[in-house]
Amino acid sequence: DVAYIASSGLRVLLKLAQRLKTEGGQLRL
């Protein structure tokens, strides 16, 4: 149900993925 993503949304995804990787987790979309 996400119709649009802007660069600010991409930044959130990148930050989340980096933190998850650091903590031994995983992110999937």
PDB file of all heavy atoms in Angstrom:
ATOM      1  N   ASP A   1       0.810  -1.223   0.000  1.00  0.00           N
ATOM      2  CA  ASP A   1       0.000   0.000   0.000  1.00  0.00           C
ATOM      3  C   ASP A   1       0.843   1.273   0.000  1.00  0.00           C
ATOM      4  O   ASP A   1       0.425   2.307   0.527  1.00  0.00           O
ATOM      5  CB  ASP A   1      -0.948  -0.009   1.203  1.00  0.00           C
ATOM      6  CG  ASP A   1      -1.965  -1.136   1.116  1.00  0.00           C
ATOM      7  OD1 ASP A   1      -2.525  -1.339   0.023  1.00  0.00           O
ATOM      8  OD2 ASP A   1      -2.181  -1.817   2.130  1.00  0.00           O
ATOM      9  N   VAL A   2       2.048   1.188  -0.582  1.00  0.00           N
ATOM     10  CA  VAL A   2       2.905   2.367  -0.726  1.00  0.00           C
ATOM     11  C   VAL A   2       2.904   2.746  -2.198  1.00  0.00           C
ATOM     12  O   VAL A   2       3.371   2.001  -3.047  1.00  0.00           O
ATOM     13  CB  VAL A   2       4.350   2.096  -0.236  1.00  0.00           C
ATOM     14  CG1 VAL A   2       5.238   3.310  -0.491  1.00  0.00           C
ATOM     15  CG2 VAL A   2       4.349   1.734   1.242  1.00  0.00           C
ATOM     16  N   ALA A   3       2.368   3.922  -2.489  1.00  0.00           N
ATOM     17  CA  ALA A   3       2.237   4.366  -3.874  1.00  0.00           C
ATOM     18  C   ALA A   3       3.459   5.129  -4.362  1.00  0.00           C
ATOM     19  O   ALA A   3       3.691   5.238  -5.566  1.00  0.00           O
ATOM     20  CB  ALA A   3       1.003   5.247  -4.017  1.00  0.00           C
ATOM     21  N   TYR A   4       4.265   5.650  -3.421  1.00  0.00           N
ATOM     22  CA  TYR A   4       5.334   6.569  -3.807  1.00  0.00           C
ATOM     23  C   TYR A   4       6.441   6.514  -2.768  1.00  0.00           C
ATOM     24  O   TYR A   4       6.176   6.398  -1.567  1.00  0.00           O
ATOM     25  CB  TYR A   4       4.746   7.991  -3.879  1.00  0.00           C
ATOM     26  CG  TYR A   4       5.750   9.080  -4.092  1.00  0.00           C
ATOM     27  CD1 TYR A   4       6.239   9.372  -5.365  1.00  0.00           C
ATOM     28  CD2 TYR A   4       6.223   9.833  -3.027  1.00  0.00           C
ATOM     29  CE1 TYR A   4       7.161  10.382  -5.557  1.00  0.00           C
ATOM     30  CE2 TYR A   4       7.147  10.849  -3.216  1.00  0.00           C
ATOM     31  CZ  TYR A   4       7.611  11.117  -4.480  1.00  0.00           C
ATOM     32  OH  TYR A   4       8.529  12.115  -4.674  1.00  0.00           O
ATOM     33  N   ILE A   5       7.688   6.613  -3.214  1.00  0.00           N
ATOM     34  CA  ILE A   5       8.815   6.739  -2.299  1.00  0.00           C
ATOM     35  C   ILE A   5       9.726   7.848  -2.806  1.00  0.00           C
ATOM     36  O   ILE A   5      10.033   7.924  -4.005  1.00  0.00           O
ATOM     37  CB  ILE A   5       9.580   5.409  -2.117  1.00  0.00           C
ATOM     38  CG1 ILE A   5      10.616   5.532  -0.993  1.00  0.00           C
ATOM     39  CG2 ILE A   5      10.216   4.942  -3.413  1.00  0.00           C
ATOM     40  CD1 ILE A   5      11.178   4.212  -0.513  1.00  0.00           C
ATOM     41  N   ALA A   6      10.127   8.724  -1.903  1.00  0.00           N
ATOM     42  CA  ALA A   6      11.033   9.828  -2.222  1.00  0.00           C
ATOM     43  C   ALA A   6      12.421   9.503  -1.673  1.00  0.00           C
ATOM     44  O   ALA A   6      12.617   8.504  -0.982  1.00  0.00           O
ATOM     45  CB  ALA A   6      10.500  11.121  -1.593  1.00  0.00           C
ATOM     46  N   SER A   7      13.369  10.362  -1.957  1.00  0.00           N
ATOM     47  CA  SER A   7      14.739  10.143  -1.490  1.00  0.00           C
ATOM     48  C   SER A   7      14.806  10.062   0.030  1.00  0.00           C
ATOM     49  O   SER A   7      15.620   9.315   0.580  1.00  0.00           O
ATOM     50  CB  SER A   7      15.673  11.230  -2.012  1.00  0.00           C
ATOM     51  OG  SER A   7      15.258  12.504  -1.565  1.00  0.00           O
ATOM     52  N   SER A   8      13.941  10.776   0.713  1.00  0.00           N
ATOM     53  CA  SER A   8      13.928  10.706   2.179  1.00  0.00           C
ATOM     54  C   SER A   8      13.499   9.323   2.659  1.00  0.00           C
ATOM     55  O   SER A   8      14.000   8.815   3.665  1.00  0.00           O
ATOM     56  CB  SER A   8      13.008  11.784   2.768  1.00  0.00           C
ATOM     57  OG  SER A   8      11.721  11.705   2.187  1.00  0.00           O
ATOM     58  N   GLY A   9      12.603   8.675   1.929  1.00  0.00           N
ATOM     59  CA  GLY A   9      12.207   7.307   2.249  1.00  0.00           C
ATOM     60  C   GLY A   9      13.333   6.329   1.973  1.00  0.00           C
ATOM     61  O   GLY A   9      13.564   5.392   2.737  1.00  0.00           O
ATOM     62  N   LEU A  10      14.060   6.554   0.876  1.00  0.00           N
ATOM     63  CA  LEU A  10      15.216   5.712   0.566  1.00  0.00           C
ATOM     64  C   LEU A  10      16.268   5.824   1.665  1.00  0.00           C
ATOM     65  O   LEU A  10      16.888   4.827   2.047  1.00  0.00           O
ATOM     66  CB  LEU A  10      15.828   6.108  -0.782  1.00  0.00           C
ATOM     67  CG  LEU A  10      14.976   5.840  -2.017  1.00  0.00           C
ATOM     68  CD1 LEU A  10      15.655   6.416  -3.263  1.00  0.00           C
ATOM     69  CD2 LEU A  10      14.697   4.362  -2.191  1.00  0.00           C
ATOM     70  N   ARG A  11      16.454   7.025   2.177  1.00  0.00           N
ATOM     71  CA  ARG A  11      17.424   7.232   3.253  1.00  0.00           C
ATOM     72  C   ARG A  11      17.047   6.418   4.482  1.00  0.00           C
ATOM     73  O   ARG A  11      17.898   5.778   5.115  1.00  0.00           O
ATOM     74  CB  ARG A  11      17.510   8.718   3.617  1.00  0.00           C
ATOM     75  CG  ARG A  11      18.546   9.019   4.702  1.00  0.00           C
ATOM     76  CD  ARG A  11      18.430  10.439   5.224  1.00  0.00           C
ATOM     77  NE  ARG A  11      17.112  10.750   5.766  1.00  0.00           N
ATOM     78  CZ  ARG A  11      16.676  10.385   6.963  1.00  0.00           C
ATOM     79  NH1 ARG A  11      17.436   9.669   7.761  1.00  0.00           N
ATOM     80  NH2 ARG A  11      15.469  10.721   7.381  1.00  0.00           N
ATOM     81  N   VAL A  12      15.766   6.386   4.808  1.00  0.00           N
ATOM     82  CA  VAL A  12      15.295   5.599   5.949  1.00  0.00           C
ATOM     83  C   VAL A  12      15.575   4.115   5.711  1.00  0.00           C
ATOM     84  O   VAL A  12      16.054   3.419   6.613  1.00  0.00           O
ATOM     85  CB  VAL A  12      13.791   5.844   6.221  1.00  0.00           C
ATOM     86  CG1 VAL A  12      13.258   4.872   7.270  1.00  0.00           C
ATOM     87  CG2 VAL A  12      13.553   7.285   6.651  1.00  0.00           C
ATOM     88  N   LEU A  13      15.302   3.628   4.516  1.00  0.00           N
ATOM     89  CA  LEU A  13      15.561   2.219   4.198  1.00  0.00           C
ATOM     90  C   LEU A  13      17.047   1.888   4.340  1.00  0.00           C
ATOM     91  O   LEU A  13      17.411   0.848   4.892  1.00  0.00           O
ATOM     92  CB  LEU A  13      15.087   1.880   2.789  1.00  0.00           C
ATOM     93  CG  LEU A  13      13.587   1.924   2.533  1.00  0.00           C
ATOM     94  CD1 LEU A  13      13.302   1.581   1.077  1.00  0.00           C
ATOM     95  CD2 LEU A  13      12.846   0.986   3.469  1.00  0.00           C
ATOM     96  N   LEU A  14      17.895   2.773   3.846  1.00  0.00           N
ATOM     97  CA  LEU A  14      19.337   2.543   3.928  1.00  0.00           C
ATOM     98  C   LEU A  14      19.812   2.525   5.378  1.00  0.00           C
ATOM     99  O   LEU A  14      20.561   1.637   5.784  1.00  0.00           O
ATOM    100  CB  LEU A  14      20.085   3.612   3.136  1.00  0.00           C
ATOM    101  CG  LEU A  14      21.594   3.463   3.067  1.00  0.00           C
ATOM    102  CD1 LEU A  14      21.984   2.132   2.432  1.00  0.00           C
ATOM    103  CD2 LEU A  14      22.201   4.622   2.300  1.00  0.00           C
ATOM    104  N   LYS A  15      19.344   3.475   6.155  1.00  0.00           N
ATOM    105  CA  LYS A  15      19.719   3.551   7.571  1.00  0.00           C
ATOM    106  C   LYS A  15      19.253   2.296   8.320  1.00  0.00           C
ATOM    107  O   LYS A  15      19.982   1.722   9.123  1.00  0.00           O
ATOM    108  CB  LYS A  15      19.110   4.813   8.185  1.00  0.00           C
ATOM    109  CG  LYS A  15      19.625   5.169   9.532  1.00  0.00           C
ATOM    110  CD  LYS A  15      19.102   6.546   9.933  1.00  0.00           C
ATOM    111  CE  LYS A  15      19.591   6.935  11.286  1.00  0.00           C
ATOM    112  NZ  LYS A  15      19.083   8.251  11.699  1.00  0.00           N
ATOM    113  N   LEU A  16      18.039   1.867   8.039  1.00  0.00           N
ATOM    114  CA  LEU A  16      17.477   0.675   8.670  1.00  0.00           C
ATOM    115  C   LEU A  16      18.275  -0.569   8.283  1.00  0.00           C
ATOM    116  O   LEU A  16      18.633  -1.387   9.133  1.00  0.00           O
ATOM    117  CB  LEU A  16      16.009   0.527   8.260  1.00  0.00           C
ATOM    118  CG  LEU A  16      15.215  -0.620   8.858  1.00  0.00           C
ATOM    119  CD1 LEU A  16      15.095  -0.467  10.369  1.00  0.00           C
ATOM    120  CD2 LEU A  16      13.832  -0.681   8.223  1.00  0.00           C
ATOM    121  N   ALA A  17      18.587  -0.712   6.992  1.00  0.00           N
ATOM    122  CA  ALA A  17      19.350  -1.868   6.514  1.00  0.00           C
ATOM    123  C   ALA A  17      20.741  -1.904   7.139  1.00  0.00           C
ATOM    124  O   ALA A  17      21.218  -2.971   7.543  1.00  0.00           O
ATOM    125  CB  ALA A  17      19.457  -1.827   4.993  1.00  0.00           C
ATOM    126  N   GLN A  18      21.384  -0.749   7.244  1.00  0.00           N
ATOM    127  CA  GLN A  18      22.721  -0.696   7.838  1.00  0.00           C
ATOM    128  C   GLN A  18      22.690  -1.088   9.305  1.00  0.00           C
ATOM    129  O   GLN A  18      23.538  -1.849   9.770  1.00  0.00           O
ATOM    130  CB  GLN A  18      23.314   0.708   7.682  1.00  0.00           C
ATOM    131  CG  GLN A  18      23.710   1.032   6.269  1.00  0.00           C
ATOM    132  CD  GLN A  18      24.121   2.479   6.089  1.00  0.00           C
ATOM    133  OE1 GLN A  18      23.657   3.381   6.782  1.00  0.00           O
ATOM    134  NE2 GLN A  18      24.995   2.717   5.110  1.00  0.00           N
ATOM    135  N   ARG A  19      21.715  -0.585  10.029  1.00  0.00           N
ATOM    136  CA  ARG A  19      21.631  -0.922  11.451  1.00  0.00           C
ATOM    137  C   ARG A  19      21.317  -2.403  11.649  1.00  0.00           C
ATOM    138  O   ARG A  19      21.895  -3.062  12.514  1.00  0.00           O
ATOM    139  CB  ARG A  19      20.591  -0.055  12.154  1.00  0.00           C
ATOM    140  CG  ARG A  19      20.549  -0.337  13.626  1.00  0.00           C
ATOM    141  CD  ARG A  19      19.833   0.690  14.435  1.00  0.00           C
ATOM    142  NE  ARG A  19      19.559   0.133  15.743  1.00  0.00           N
ATOM    143  CZ  ARG A  19      18.571   0.498  16.513  1.00  0.00           C
ATOM    144  NH1 ARG A  19      17.766   1.469  16.145  1.00  0.00           N
ATOM    145  NH2 ARG A  19      18.373  -0.079  17.679  1.00  0.00           N
ATOM    146  N   LEU A  20      20.407  -2.934  10.852  1.00  0.00           N
ATOM    147  CA  LEU A  20      20.076  -4.351  10.954  1.00  0.00           C
ATOM    148  C   LEU A  20      21.299  -5.218  10.660  1.00  0.00           C
ATOM    149  O   LEU A  20      21.555  -6.201  11.353  1.00  0.00           O
ATOM    150  CB  LEU A  20      18.936  -4.716   9.994  1.00  0.00           C
ATOM    151  CG  LEU A  20      17.539  -4.421  10.525  1.00  0.00           C
ATOM    152  CD1 LEU A  20      16.520  -4.412   9.400  1.00  0.00           C
ATOM    153  CD2 LEU A  20      17.149  -5.419  11.592  1.00  0.00           C
ATOM    154  N   LYS A  21      22.060  -4.848   9.646  1.00  0.00           N
ATOM    155  CA  LYS A  21      23.262  -5.613   9.305  1.00  0.00           C
ATOM    156  C   LYS A  21      24.260  -5.571  10.459  1.00  0.00           C
ATOM    157  O   LYS A  21      24.834  -6.599  10.818  1.00  0.00           O
ATOM    158  CB  LYS A  21      23.885  -5.058   8.031  1.00  0.00           C
ATOM    159  CG  LYS A  21      25.056  -5.873   7.536  1.00  0.00           C
ATOM    160  CD  LYS A  21      25.570  -5.359   6.216  1.00  0.00           C
ATOM    161  CE  LYS A  21      26.731  -6.221   5.735  1.00  0.00           C
ATOM    162  NZ  LYS A  21      27.245  -5.755   4.454  1.00  0.00           N
ATOM    163  N   THR A  22      24.447  -4.409  11.052  1.00  0.00           N
ATOM    164  CA  THR A  22      25.362  -4.252  12.178  1.00  0.00           C
ATOM    165  C   THR A  22      24.948  -5.121  13.356  1.00  0.00           C
ATOM    166  O   THR A  22      25.792  -5.671  14.062  1.00  0.00           O
ATOM    167  CB  THR A  22      25.408  -2.766  12.627  1.00  0.00           C
ATOM    168  OG1 THR A  22      25.866  -1.979  11.536  1.00  0.00           O
ATOM    169  CG2 THR A  22      26.330  -2.561  13.807  1.00  0.00           C
ATOM    170  N   GLU A  23      23.640  -5.273  13.551  1.00  0.00           N
ATOM    171  CA  GLU A  23      23.115  -6.027  14.687  1.00  0.00           C
ATOM    172  C   GLU A  23      22.839  -7.488  14.341  1.00  0.00           C
ATOM    173  O   GLU A  23      22.199  -8.203  15.101  1.00  0.00           O
ATOM    174  CB  GLU A  23      21.858  -5.340  15.222  1.00  0.00           C
ATOM    175  CG  GLU A  23      22.166  -3.949  15.770  1.00  0.00           C
ATOM    176  CD  GLU A  23      20.956  -3.236  16.335  1.00  0.00           C
ATOM    177  OE1 GLU A  23      19.888  -3.867  16.497  1.00  0.00           O
ATOM    178  OE2 GLU A  23      21.078  -2.031  16.618  1.00  0.00           O
ATOM    179  N   GLY A  24      23.298  -7.923  13.179  1.00  0.00           N
ATOM    180  CA  GLY A  24      23.138  -9.320  12.794  1.00  0.00           C
ATOM    181  C   GLY A  24      21.755  -9.674  12.285  1.00  0.00           C
ATOM    182  O   GLY A  24      21.388 -10.845  12.225  1.00  0.00           O
ATOM    183  N   GLY A  25      20.991  -8.680  11.903  1.00  0.00           N
ATOM    184  CA  GLY A  25      19.640  -8.922  11.408  1.00  0.00           C
ATOM    185  C   GLY A  25      19.569  -8.825   9.902  1.00  0.00           C
ATOM    186  O   GLY A  25      20.590  -8.733   9.220  1.00  0.00           O
ATOM    187  N   GLN A  26      18.354  -8.852   9.393  1.00  0.00           N
ATOM    188  CA  GLN A  26      18.128  -8.789   7.957  1.00  0.00           C
ATOM    189  C   GLN A  26      16.890  -7.960   7.650  1.00  0.00           C
ATOM    190  O   GLN A  26      15.933  -7.965   8.416  1.00  0.00           O
ATOM    191  CB  GLN A  26      17.937 -10.184   7.376  1.00  0.00           C
ATOM    192  CG  GLN A  26      19.151 -11.061   7.460  1.00  0.00           C
ATOM    193  CD  GLN A  26      18.897 -12.430   6.872  1.00  0.00           C
ATOM    194  OE1 GLN A  26      17.801 -12.962   6.971  1.00  0.00           O
ATOM    195  NE2 GLN A  26      19.913 -12.996   6.257  1.00  0.00           N
ATOM    196  N   LEU A  27      16.945  -7.296   6.502  1.00  0.00           N
ATOM    197  CA  LEU A  27      15.809  -6.525   6.012  1.00  0.00           C
ATOM    198  C   LEU A  27      15.418  -7.057   4.644  1.00  0.00           C
ATOM    199  O   LEU A  27      16.267  -7.306   3.788  1.00  0.00           O
ATOM    200  CB  LEU A  27      16.182  -5.043   5.889  1.00  0.00           C
ATOM    201  CG  LEU A  27      15.111  -4.127   5.289  1.00  0.00           C
ATOM    202  CD1 LEU A  27      13.884  -4.055   6.186  1.00  0.00           C
ATOM    203  CD2 LEU A  27      15.678  -2.734   5.041  1.00  0.00           C
ATOM    204  N   ARG A  28      14.124  -7.240   4.450  1.00  0.00           N
ATOM    205  CA  ARG A  28      13.563  -7.635   3.159  1.00  0.00           C
ATOM    206  C   ARG A  28      12.408  -6.683   2.851  1.00  0.00           C
ATOM    207  O   ARG A  28      11.741  -6.186   3.744  1.00  0.00           O
ATOM    208  CB  ARG A  28      13.012  -9.057   3.199  1.00  0.00           C
ATOM    209  CG  ARG A  28      13.970 -10.105   3.696  1.00  0.00           C
ATOM    210  CD  ARG A  28      14.652 -10.805   2.556  1.00  0.00           C
ATOM    211  NE  ARG A  28      15.431 -11.939   3.009  1.00  0.00           N
ATOM    212  CZ  ARG A  28      16.726 -11.877   3.255  1.00  0.00           C
ATOM    213  NH1 ARG A  28      17.364 -10.756   3.137  1.00  0.00           N
ATOM    214  NH2 ARG A  28      17.393 -12.957   3.619  1.00  0.00           N
ATOM    215  N   LEU A  29      12.167  -6.465   1.558  1.00  0.00           N
ATOM    216  CA  LEU A  29      11.021  -5.699   1.095  1.00  0.00           C
ATOM    217  C   LEU A  29      10.179  -6.629   0.235  1.00  0.00           C
ATOM    218  O   LEU A  29      10.720  -7.501  -0.448  1.00  0.00           O
ATOM    219  CB  LEU A  29      11.453  -4.511   0.238  1.00  0.00           C
ATOM    220  CG  LEU A  29      11.890  -3.218   0.914  1.00  0.00           C
ATOM    221  CD1 LEU A  29      13.046  -3.429   1.850  1.00  0.00           C
ATOM    222  CD2 LEU A  29      12.235  -2.174  -0.117  1.00  0.00           C
TER     223      LEU A  29
END
